[in-house]
């Protein structure tokens, strides 16, 4: 199946186990999944992939970058791009003051994978 035939999801998560679980789960749900473990990798993917539908990103990432700092420029470049934040510290996302932090859904870790699926389906309608 071509990349354009599926919804393409970028997962940005620094915890290897969580990243693997999300990747495996989303692939099983039929999504084309790209993964990044930090902001640098996420920006490389954003620059090189012409088609992305959704970013699922952790808030706290290595190197002092946040999921909001990845999502803001990504959405400016691609206004149709959807974002879901995942975090053990969900209040920090809203406290960032970013407009995207008030629009995008936030799933507090630990979250149920069915909740993630529902949020993705809602965003990609």
Protein backbone atom coordinates (compact mmCIF):
# COMPACT_ATOMS: atom_id res chain seq x y z
CA UNK A 1 0.00 0.00 0.00
CA UNK A 2 1.37 3.43 -0.84
CA UNK A 3 2.02 5.91 1.92
CA UNK A 4 -0.72 8.17 0.55
CA UNK A 5 -3.31 5.37 0.78
CA UNK A 6 -3.10 5.26 4.58
CA UNK A 7 -3.30 7.84 7.31
CA UNK A 8 0.28 8.66 8.26
CA UNK A 9 1.02 9.15 11.96
CA UNK A 10 4.26 10.49 13.42
CA UNK A 11 4.88 9.26 16.97
CA UNK A 12 7.37 11.38 18.96
CA UNK A 13 8.24 9.58 22.20
CA UNK A 14 11.57 9.23 24.01
CA UNK A 15 10.71 6.13 26.07
CA UNK A 16 11.64 3.10 23.91
CA UNK A 17 8.99 0.78 25.38
CA UNK A 18 6.18 3.30 24.98
CA UNK A 19 7.38 4.18 21.46
CA UNK A 20 7.39 0.48 20.48
CA UNK A 21 3.94 -0.16 21.98
CA UNK A 22 2.46 2.86 20.19
CA UNK A 23 4.12 1.94 16.89
CA UNK A 24 2.95 -1.68 17.03
CA UNK A 25 -0.56 -0.76 18.12
CA UNK A 26 -1.04 1.93 15.47
CA UNK A 27 0.35 -0.30 12.72
CA UNK A 28 -2.12 -2.96 13.83
CA UNK A 29 -4.89 -0.38 13.52
CA UNK A 30 -3.89 0.19 9.89
CA UNK A 31 -1.90 3.41 10.14
CA UNK A 32 1.43 4.07 8.44
CA UNK A 33 3.61 4.93 11.44
CA UNK A 34 6.79 6.99 11.55
CA UNK A 35 8.69 7.29 14.81
CA UNK A 36 11.05 9.81 16.37
CA UNK A 37 12.64 9.65 19.79
CA UNK A 38 13.51 13.36 20.04
CA UNK A 39 12.89 16.73 18.47
CA UNK A 40 15.78 16.48 16.02
CA UNK A 41 14.43 13.25 14.52
CA UNK A 42 10.90 14.67 14.46
CA UNK A 43 12.01 17.76 12.54
CA UNK A 44 13.93 15.61 10.02
CA UNK A 45 10.80 13.56 9.38
CA UNK A 46 8.66 16.68 9.11
CA UNK A 47 11.10 18.15 6.58
CA UNK A 48 11.39 14.99 4.48
CA UNK A 49 7.87 13.54 4.43
CA UNK A 50 5.44 15.41 2.23
CA UNK A 51 2.41 13.61 3.63
CA UNK A 52 1.57 13.46 7.34
CA UNK A 53 -1.90 13.39 8.86
CA UNK A 54 -1.25 13.36 12.59
CA UNK A 55 1.45 13.80 15.22
CA UNK A 56 1.18 11.95 18.53
CA UNK A 57 3.83 13.57 20.69
CA UNK A 58 5.05 13.39 24.23
CA UNK A 59 5.40 16.76 25.92
CA UNK A 60 8.72 16.36 27.75
CA UNK A 61 11.45 15.29 25.36
CA UNK A 62 15.25 15.10 25.57
CA UNK A 63 17.30 18.16 24.74
CA UNK A 64 14.94 20.64 26.35
CA UNK A 65 12.42 20.61 23.52
CA UNK A 66 8.73 20.02 24.12
CA UNK A 67 6.03 18.45 22.02
CA UNK A 68 4.44 21.89 21.73
CA UNK A 69 7.68 23.26 20.23
CA UNK A 70 7.51 20.49 17.61
CA UNK A 71 3.79 20.81 16.93
CA UNK A 72 3.63 24.61 16.51
CA UNK A 73 5.92 24.94 13.48
CA UNK A 74 4.63 21.67 12.03
CA UNK A 75 1.04 22.95 12.04
CA UNK A 76 2.15 26.32 10.62
CA UNK A 77 3.78 24.46 7.70
CA UNK A 78 0.84 22.06 7.35
CA UNK A 79 -2.40 23.63 8.58
CA UNK A 80 -4.34 20.37 8.12
CA UNK A 81 -1.97 18.42 10.37
CA UNK A 82 -3.64 17.14 13.54
CA UNK A 83 -1.91 16.82 16.91
CA UNK A 84 -2.48 14.69 20.01
CA UNK A 85 -0.33 15.26 23.08
CA UNK A 86 0.57 12.47 25.49
CA UNK A 87 2.21 13.24 28.80
CA UNK A 88 2.69 12.25 32.38
CA UNK A 89 2.42 15.98 33.08
CA UNK A 90 -0.66 17.10 31.16
CA UNK A 91 -1.07 20.39 33.04
CA UNK A 92 2.30 21.57 31.70
CA UNK A 93 0.97 21.39 28.15
CA UNK A 94 -1.83 23.87 28.87
CA UNK A 95 0.56 26.01 30.93
CA UNK A 96 2.76 26.44 27.86
CA UNK A 97 0.23 29.03 26.71
CA UNK A 98 0.41 27.86 23.11
CA UNK A 99 -2.83 28.05 21.13
CA UNK A 100 -2.24 24.49 19.94
CA UNK A 101 -2.11 23.33 23.56
CA UNK A 102 -5.72 24.44 23.96
CA UNK A 103 -6.95 22.94 20.68
CA UNK A 104 -5.27 19.54 20.62
CA UNK A 105 -6.43 16.62 22.75
CA UNK A 106 -4.21 15.62 25.67
CA UNK A 107 -3.96 12.07 26.96
CA UNK A 108 -2.46 11.75 30.43
CA UNK A 109 -0.04 8.84 30.84
CA UNK A 110 -0.80 6.11 31.52
CA UNK A 111 -3.68 6.02 29.05
CA UNK A 112 -5.72 3.25 27.53
CA UNK A 113 -4.86 2.44 23.90
CA UNK A 114 -8.57 2.44 23.06
CA UNK A 115 -8.70 6.08 24.21
CA UNK A 116 -5.84 6.86 21.84
CA UNK A 117 -7.62 5.10 18.97
CA UNK A 118 -10.80 7.09 19.66
CA UNK A 119 -8.90 10.39 19.74
CA UNK A 120 -7.11 9.57 16.49
CA UNK A 121 -10.37 8.64 14.79
CA UNK A 122 -11.94 11.87 16.02
CA UNK A 123 -9.01 13.97 14.76
CA UNK A 124 -8.85 12.33 11.35
CA UNK A 125 -12.55 12.61 10.52
